[in-house]
Amino acid sequence: MKENVIRTVCVKLDINGHNATLTDTMKMFNAAASWIAQTCWDENITNTNTAHHRVYGETRNRFGLLAQLAIHARVKAMEAIASVKKKKDASCPQFGPCGSVRMDNHHSYTFKPLDQVSILTAQGRVLCKMVMGERQRTMLTDTEWENGTADLVWRQGVYYLHVTQSKEKPEEQEHNDVIGVDLGIVNIATDSDGAQFTGEQVRTVRARYKRQREELQKVNTPSAKRKLKKKSGKEHRFQSDVNHCISKALVTKAAVSRKALALEDLTGIRERITVRREQRYERHSWAFFQLRQFISYKADREGIAVILVDPAYTSQTCHMCGHCEKANRRTQSEFSCQRCGFTMNADANAAINIKTVAVNQPMVSPLGRCVVRVDTSPLL
């Protein structure tokens, strides 16, 4: 069975005076989803079909939702239950009144001429104008991609429609080499060819945000809290933009050279590794998992394999002679092998080791997925 790649197009809406209708629908939808989640949680219902027969009729009668909205409220609740049950000490998920509203193409939302979209609400359909840039317009009119479900989202007084699109995943490219990528704080990413994405500007900007946040938290007035919320959004967008730029550059390089990408598997790294007190904020705050996600989905679109490698000892091992010793890593940036005397940038050496492990021990998934895992031990 062929897999699909998925992307999301975020479109701002001009609601044309339908604010009350959309707000009421959002409140009713999320109240229904919360009730469904609590009912299925208490009755230990995990099967979506069983849940549908249990709650569908009562959802429509109790909350006055139309059929499609009642169905999607149940879908949202069951997805949330499945997600939280994987965690320890999980509790029943609940949804705030401003949570997103799930919609399906044609039944719940329909695109109309003149950049308009018809949206199903509790009071019937309303027509809203889509405020699109050239990029969103190009994505929505691309016939290679098929429109799927969408989420109606309210954010800081503005409504958005997040439309998911999918197309068949391209065949994975044949590759005869791998680009290893080492992730870090001083240099966010370093590849095995020596290219570096420095974190200097990132550290400067985040230090400024941190200082401003601490000052506003000390004031603790309503206006200070508003500024904190605004700055939080700016910092998040800055972080996402940097990760997008790095992931795009790495995937483009791999696509042009027809190589796979090998990344460090940093799952659980915060629990395994300790750092100095002054470095804790930087280590915990940068979204390396987000960067890996961005690389993975961009690679999927291009048919590029992404290999996850255990990062243990990659920064302490000499890629020339294979000698592994903690003293090899003299400073953050300097690597000097205690056996053969080889020296180079420490991050570049780690990236080459990551590449070496990925090349020598490939384990291709039987399902043909683009992401595979490789365990490593010291390269002795």
Protein backbone atom coordinates (compact mmCIF):
# COMPACT_ATOMS: atom_id res chain seq x y z
CA MET A 1 0.00 0.00 0.00
CA LYS A 2 1.37 3.38 -1.05
CA GLU A 3 2.05 5.98 1.63
CA ASN A 4 1.13 9.64 1.29
CA VAL A 5 3.01 12.78 2.18
CA ILE A 6 0.93 15.44 3.89
CA ARG A 7 1.24 19.20 4.16
CA THR A 8 -0.88 21.91 5.77
CA VAL A 9 -1.89 25.22 4.19
CA CYS A 10 -2.79 27.94 6.70
CA VAL A 11 -5.24 30.52 5.32
CA LYS A 12 -6.50 33.59 7.15
CA LEU A 13 -10.28 34.15 7.00
CA ASP A 14 -12.32 37.31 6.64
CA ILE A 15 -15.42 36.08 8.46
CA ASN A 16 -17.76 38.77 7.03
CA GLY A 17 -19.63 39.44 10.28
CA HIS A 18 -20.11 35.75 11.18
CA ASN A 19 -18.07 35.99 14.38
CA ALA A 20 -20.96 35.06 16.71
CA THR A 21 -21.94 32.06 14.58
CA LEU A 22 -18.40 30.70 14.37
CA THR A 23 -17.76 31.34 18.07
CA ASP A 24 -20.94 29.50 19.11
CA THR A 25 -20.10 26.59 16.82
CA MET A 26 -16.60 26.35 18.24
CA LYS A 27 -17.88 26.33 21.83
CA MET A 28 -20.55 23.71 21.09
CA PHE A 29 -18.12 21.52 19.15
CA ASN A 30 -15.49 21.48 21.90
CA ALA A 31 -18.07 21.00 24.65
CA ALA A 32 -19.36 17.98 22.71
CA ALA A 33 -15.82 16.63 22.22
CA SER A 34 -15.11 16.99 25.97
CA TRP A 35 -18.33 15.16 26.87
CA ILE A 36 -17.59 12.37 24.38
CA ALA A 37 -14.05 11.99 25.72
CA GLN A 38 -15.29 11.79 29.32
CA THR A 39 -18.04 9.31 28.45
CA CYS A 40 -15.72 7.00 26.51
CA TRP A 41 -13.02 7.35 29.17
CA ASP A 42 -15.40 6.40 32.00
CA GLU A 43 -16.86 3.48 30.03
CA ASN A 44 -13.42 2.38 28.76
CA ILE A 45 -14.42 2.65 25.11
CA THR A 46 -11.42 2.77 22.78
CA ASN A 47 -12.92 1.47 19.53
CA THR A 48 -14.07 4.35 17.33
CA ASN A 49 -17.05 2.42 15.88
CA THR A 50 -18.26 1.44 19.34
CA ALA A 51 -17.88 5.06 20.40
CA HIS A 52 -19.89 6.25 17.39
CA HIS A 53 -22.90 4.04 18.26
CA ARG A 54 -22.65 5.06 21.92
CA VAL A 55 -22.45 8.86 21.56
CA TYR A 56 -23.66 9.95 18.11
CA GLY A 57 -27.37 10.31 18.81
CA GLU A 58 -26.91 11.80 22.27
CA THR A 59 -24.28 14.24 20.95
CA ARG A 60 -26.72 15.65 18.41
CA ASN A 61 -29.57 15.88 20.90
CA ARG A 62 -27.53 17.25 23.79
CA PHE A 63 -25.46 19.84 21.89
CA GLY A 64 -27.54 20.50 18.79
CA LEU A 65 -24.72 19.75 16.36
CA LEU A 66 -25.33 18.82 12.75
CA ALA A 67 -24.32 15.32 11.65
CA GLN A 68 -20.86 16.05 10.26
CA LEU A 69 -19.85 18.19 13.24
CA ALA A 70 -21.05 15.50 15.67
CA ILE A 71 -18.98 12.88 13.84
CA HIS A 72 -15.84 15.01 13.88
CA ALA A 73 -16.29 15.86 17.55
CA ARG A 74 -16.18 12.11 18.23
CA VAL A 75 -13.10 11.72 15.99
CA LYS A 76 -11.30 14.51 17.85
CA ALA A 77 -12.15 13.01 21.24
CA MET A 78 -11.05 9.48 20.30
CA GLU A 79 -7.76 10.69 18.82
CA ALA A 80 -7.02 12.60 22.02
CA ILE A 81 -7.83 9.54 24.17
CA ALA A 82 -5.55 7.33 22.06
CA SER A 83 -2.76 9.89 22.45
CA VAL A 84 -2.94 10.38 26.24
CA LYS A 85 -3.32 6.66 27.01
CA LYS A 86 0.28 6.19 25.87
CA LYS A 87 1.47 8.36 28.77
CA LYS A 88 1.91 7.38 32.39
CA ASP A 89 -0.69 8.66 34.87
CA ALA A 90 -2.89 9.81 31.98
CA SER A 91 -6.12 11.67 32.65
CA CYS A 92 -9.15 12.19 30.45
CA PRO A 93 -8.50 14.88 27.80
CA GLN A 94 -10.69 17.98 27.83
CA PHE A 95 -10.98 20.78 25.28
CA GLY A 96 -11.24 24.51 25.83
CA PRO A 97 -14.01 26.58 24.23
CA CYS A 98 -11.57 27.99 21.66
CA GLY A 99 -10.21 24.62 20.52
CA SER A 100 -10.07 23.86 16.81
CA VAL A 101 -13.06 22.49 14.87
CA ARG A 102 -12.36 19.52 12.57
CA MET A 103 -13.97 19.64 9.11
CA ASP A 104 -13.94 17.39 6.06
CA ASN A 105 -13.77 18.45 2.43
CA HIS A 106 -17.06 19.05 0.57
CA HIS A 107 -19.29 18.14 3.55
CA SER A 108 -18.00 20.63 6.14
CA TYR A 109 -16.08 23.11 4.02
CA THR A 110 -16.16 23.82 0.29
CA PHE A 111 -14.07 26.20 -1.78
CA LYS A 112 -16.05 28.69 -3.85
CA PRO A 113 -15.11 31.14 -6.64
CA LEU A 114 -13.54 34.51 -5.79
CA ASP A 115 -11.40 33.04 -2.99
CA GLN A 116 -14.40 32.18 -0.82
CA VAL A 117 -15.02 29.15 1.36
CA SER A 118 -18.34 27.78 2.61
CA ILE A 119 -18.10 26.57 6.21
CA LEU A 120 -20.61 24.38 8.04
CA THR A 121 -21.70 25.80 11.41
CA ALA A 122 -24.28 24.87 14.02
CA GLN A 123 -26.66 27.37 12.38
CA GLY A 124 -25.99 26.26 8.81
CA ARG A 125 -23.43 27.30 6.22
CA VAL A 126 -21.65 30.67 6.18
CA LEU A 127 -19.51 32.16 3.42
CA CYS A 128 -16.09 33.58 4.35
CA LYS A 129 -13.39 35.28 2.30
CA MET A 130 -9.94 33.66 2.24
CA VAL A 131 -7.13 36.20 2.65
CA MET A 132 -4.31 34.47 0.76
CA GLY A 133 -0.80 35.30 -0.32
CA GLU A 134 0.72 34.00 -3.54
CA ARG A 135 2.21 30.99 -1.79
CA GLN A 136 -1.11 29.81 -0.28
CA ARG A 137 -2.89 30.36 -3.59
CA THR A 138 -0.31 28.30 -5.47
CA MET A 139 -0.51 25.46 -2.93
CA LEU A 140 -4.32 25.31 -2.94
CA THR A 141 -4.52 25.28 -6.74
CA ASP A 142 -1.78 22.66 -7.21
CA THR A 143 -3.58 19.71 -8.80
CA GLU A 144 -0.90 17.23 -7.67
CA TRP A 145 -2.15 17.63 -4.11
CA GLU A 146 -5.58 16.48 -2.90
CA ASN A 147 -7.42 18.51 -0.27
CA GLY A 148 -8.37 16.57 2.87
CA THR A 149 -9.65 17.53 6.29
CA ALA A 150 -9.27 21.05 7.67
CA ASP A 151 -9.26 22.66 11.11
CA LEU A 152 -11.03 25.91 11.87
CA VAL A 153 -8.67 27.67 14.28
CA TRP A 154 -9.14 30.81 16.39
CA ARG A 155 -5.93 32.57 17.33
CA GLN A 156 -5.75 35.98 19.02
CA GLY A 157 -9.05 37.17 17.61
CA VAL A 158 -8.46 35.93 14.07
CA TYR A 159 -9.93 32.83 12.39
CA TYR A 160 -7.77 30.58 10.22
CA LEU A 161 -8.50 27.52 8.12
CA HIS A 162 -5.72 24.90 8.26
CA VAL A 163 -6.24 22.76 5.16
CA THR A 164 -4.39 19.45 4.90
CA GLN A 165 -3.28 18.24 1.49
CA SER A 166 -1.83 14.89 0.49
CA LYS A 167 -0.23 13.20 -2.47
CA GLU A 168 1.46 9.86 -3.07
CA LYS A 169 4.94 9.68 -1.59
CA PRO A 170 7.58 9.64 -4.34
CA GLU A 171 9.76 6.60 -4.75
CA GLU A 172 12.81 6.70 -2.52
CA GLN A 173 15.84 7.82 -4.49
CA GLU A 174 18.71 5.40 -4.93
CA HIS A 175 21.71 6.77 -3.07
CA ASN A 176 25.32 5.69 -2.93
CA ASP A 177 26.41 7.98 -0.11
CA VAL A 178 25.16 9.62 3.08
CA ILE A 179 25.40 13.11 4.54
CA GLY A 180 25.92 12.92 8.31
CA VAL A 181 24.47 15.75 10.40
CA ASP A 182 25.61 16.64 13.93
CA LEU A 183 23.27 18.81 16.01
CA GLY A 184 24.46 21.20 18.69
CA ILE A 185 24.00 24.51 20.46
CA VAL A 186 26.99 26.58 19.32
CA ASN A 187 26.51 25.22 15.81
CA ILE A 188 22.90 24.14 15.38
CA ALA A 189 23.83 21.73 12.59
CA THR A 190 27.11 20.61 11.00
CA ASP A 191 27.20 18.19 8.09
CA SER A 192 29.91 15.70 7.15
CA ASP A 193 31.03 17.89 4.23
CA GLY A 194 32.02 20.60 6.73
CA ALA A 195 29.11 23.00 6.19
CA GLN A 196 27.94 24.62 9.42
CA PHE A 197 24.77 26.43 10.47
CA THR A 198 26.01 28.63 13.27
CA GLY A 199 23.92 29.30 16.34
CA GLU A 200 25.56 32.67 17.09
CA GLN A 201 22.62 34.81 15.96
CA VAL A 202 20.18 32.36 17.51
CA ARG A 203 21.91 32.57 20.89
CA THR A 204 21.98 36.38 20.75
CA VAL A 205 18.29 36.67 19.90
CA ARG A 206 17.19 34.09 22.47
CA ALA A 207 19.32 35.70 25.18
CA ARG A 208 17.58 39.00 24.46
CA TYR A 209 14.14 37.36 24.66
CA LYS A 210 15.13 35.61 27.91
CA ARG A 211 16.31 38.87 29.48
CA GLN A 212 13.13 40.72 28.43
CA ARG A 213 10.96 37.84 29.68
CA GLU A 214 12.60 37.86 33.11
CA GLU A 215 12.15 41.64 33.41
CA LEU A 216 8.45 41.45 32.47
CA GLN A 217 7.87 38.54 34.86
CA LYS A 218 9.23 40.65 37.72
CA VAL A 219 6.79 43.47 36.88
CA ASN A 220 3.84 41.00 36.68
CA THR A 221 1.21 43.57 35.66
CA PRO A 222 -1.62 42.90 33.17
CA SER A 223 0.20 44.89 30.47
CA ALA A 224 3.43 42.99 31.20
CA LYS A 225 1.57 39.69 30.80
CA ARG A 226 0.19 40.84 27.44
CA LYS A 227 3.69 41.72 26.29
CA LEU A 228 4.96 38.34 27.51
CA LYS A 229 2.35 36.55 25.42
CA LYS A 230 3.21 38.61 22.35
CA LYS A 231 6.94 38.03 22.73
CA SER A 232 6.37 34.32 23.24
CA GLY A 233 4.74 34.14 19.80
CA LYS A 234 7.64 36.05 18.23
CA GLU A 235 10.21 33.75 19.80
CA HIS A 236 8.35 30.66 18.64
CA ARG A 237 8.10 31.99 15.07
CA PHE A 238 11.80 32.88 15.08
CA GLN A 239 12.71 29.38 16.22
CA SER A 240 10.50 27.75 13.57
CA ASP A 241 11.91 29.99 10.83
CA VAL A 242 15.51 29.06 11.69
CA ASN A 243 14.65 25.34 11.75
CA HIS A 244 12.82 25.65 8.42
CA CYS A 245 15.82 27.35 6.79
CA ILE A 246 18.28 24.73 8.09
CA SER A 247 16.08 21.76 7.15
CA LYS A 248 15.43 23.16 3.66
CA ALA A 249 19.15 23.67 3.04
CA LEU A 250 20.06 20.15 4.19
CA VAL A 251 17.30 18.44 2.18
CA THR A 252 18.09 20.47 -0.94
CA LYS A 253 21.75 19.49 -0.66
CA ALA A 254 20.83 15.82 -0.28
CA ALA A 255 18.42 15.96 -3.22
CA VAL A 256 20.93 17.62 -5.57
CA SER A 257 23.74 15.21 -4.63
CA ARG A 258 21.37 12.20 -4.47
CA LYS A 259 22.48 11.25 -0.96
CA ALA A 260 20.64 10.08 2.15
CA LEU A 261 20.64 12.05 5.41
CA ALA A 262 21.88 10.60 8.71
CA LEU A 263 20.74 12.37 11.90
CA GLU A 264 21.36 11.84 15.57
CA ASP A 265 18.51 10.10 17.40
CA LEU A 266 18.20 12.46 20.36
CA THR A 267 15.22 10.68 21.96
CA GLY A 268 15.59 10.96 25.74
CA ILE A 269 18.79 12.99 25.46
CA ARG A 270 17.73 15.41 28.21
CA GLU A 271 17.50 12.57 30.72
CA ARG A 272 20.76 10.91 29.63
CA ILE A 273 23.08 13.91 29.35
CA THR A 274 24.02 16.50 31.96
CA VAL A 275 25.42 19.96 31.18
CA ARG A 276 26.71 22.89 33.14
CA ARG A 277 24.18 25.05 34.95
CA GLU A 278 24.74 28.04 32.64
CA GLN A 279 24.07 25.84 29.58
CA ARG A 280 20.82 24.27 30.79
CA TYR A 281 18.54 26.94 29.36
CA GLU A 282 20.05 26.66 25.87
CA ARG A 283 20.04 22.86 25.90
CA HIS A 284 16.41 22.59 27.03
CA SER A 285 14.95 25.46 25.01
CA TRP A 286 16.02 24.80 21.41
CA ALA A 287 13.62 22.59 19.46
CA PHE A 288 15.89 19.89 18.03
CA PHE A 289 12.95 17.49 17.70
CA GLN A 290 11.14 20.12 15.63
CA LEU A 291 14.20 20.43 13.39
CA ARG A 292 14.25 16.66 12.91
CA GLN A 293 10.55 16.69 12.04
CA PHE A 294 11.08 19.45 9.49
CA ILE A 295 13.94 17.53 7.89
CA SER A 296 11.92 14.29 7.84
CA TYR A 297 8.80 15.64 6.16
CA LYS A 298 10.77 17.69 3.63
CA ALA A 299 12.87 14.59 2.84
CA ASP A 300 9.68 12.53 2.40
CA ARG A 301 8.50 14.89 -0.32
CA GLU A 302 11.77 14.46 -2.22
CA GLY A 303 12.07 10.70 -1.72
CA ILE A 304 15.22 11.06 0.40
CA ALA A 305 16.05 8.44 3.04
CA VAL A 306 16.58 9.69 6.59
CA ILE A 307 18.61 7.46 8.91
CA LEU A 308 18.55 7.92 12.71
CA VAL A 309 21.83 7.06 14.43
CA ASP A 310 22.59 6.63 18.13
CA PRO A 311 24.84 9.63 18.91
CA ALA A 312 26.76 7.85 21.70
CA TYR A 313 30.55 8.37 21.42
CA THR A 314 30.36 10.07 18.01
CA SER A 315 31.90 13.23 19.49
CA GLN A 316 34.71 11.32 21.23
CA THR A 317 35.78 9.01 18.38
CA CYS A 318 38.44 9.85 15.83
CA HIS A 319 37.08 9.18 12.36
CA MET A 320 40.61 8.63 11.03
CA CYS A 321 41.90 5.88 13.35
CA GLY A 322 38.75 4.94 15.31
CA HIS A 323 40.26 5.71 18.73
CA CYS A 324 37.54 6.59 21.28
CA GLU A 325 38.47 8.59 24.36
CA LYS A 326 36.82 11.42 26.28
CA ALA A 327 40.05 13.43 26.17
CA ASN A 328 39.84 13.54 22.36
CA ARG A 329 37.23 16.30 22.69
CA ARG A 330 39.51 18.98 24.06
CA THR A 331 37.03 21.88 23.85
CA GLN A 332 33.60 22.49 22.41
CA SER A 333 35.05 23.20 18.97
CA GLU A 334 38.37 21.34 18.97
CA PHE A 335 38.90 17.63 18.41
CA SER A 336 42.40 16.20 18.87
CA CYS A 337 42.97 12.44 18.78
CA GLN A 338 45.18 11.27 21.64
CA ARG A 339 46.42 8.30 19.58
CA CYS A 340 47.16 9.54 16.06
CA GLY A 341 47.24 13.30 16.70
CA PHE A 342 44.58 14.10 14.08
CA THR A 343 42.82 17.43 14.71
CA MET A 344 39.76 19.11 13.20
CA ASN A 345 36.53 20.84 14.16
CA ALA A 346 34.77 18.66 16.75
CA ASP A 347 31.29 19.00 15.23
CA ALA A 348 32.56 18.12 11.74
CA ASN A 349 34.33 15.04 13.15
CA ALA A 350 31.10 13.93 14.87
CA ALA A 351 29.15 14.42 11.62
CA ILE A 352 31.62 12.20 9.75
CA ASN A 353 31.26 9.51 12.43
CA ILE A 354 27.48 9.68 12.10
CA LYS A 355 27.85 9.24 8.35
CA THR A 356 30.24 6.29 8.81
CA VAL A 357 27.88 4.43 11.14
CA ALA A 358 24.93 4.99 8.79
CA VAL A 359 26.88 3.76 5.75
CA ASN A 360 28.36 0.69 7.42
CA GLN A 361 25.28 -0.55 9.28
CA PRO A 362 22.15 0.20 7.21
CA MET A 363 18.93 -1.45 8.34
CA VAL A 364 16.15 -0.85 5.82
CA SER A 365 12.63 -1.12 7.15
CA PRO A 366 10.53 -3.92 5.56
CA LEU A 367 7.69 -1.45 5.17
CA GLY A 368 9.79 0.75 2.93
CA ARG A 369 9.58 3.75 5.22
CA CYS A 370 12.05 6.58 4.74
CA VAL A 371 13.13 6.64 8.39
CA VAL A 372 15.21 3.79 9.77
CA ARG A 373 17.03 3.40 13.07
CA VAL A 374 20.59 2.28 13.60
CA ASP A 375 22.15 1.52 17.00
CA THR A 376 25.83 2.15 17.53
CA SER A 377 28.56 1.33 19.98
CA PRO A 378 31.98 2.99 20.37
CA LEU A 379 33.85 2.86 17.08
CA LEU A 380 36.96 1.03 18.34
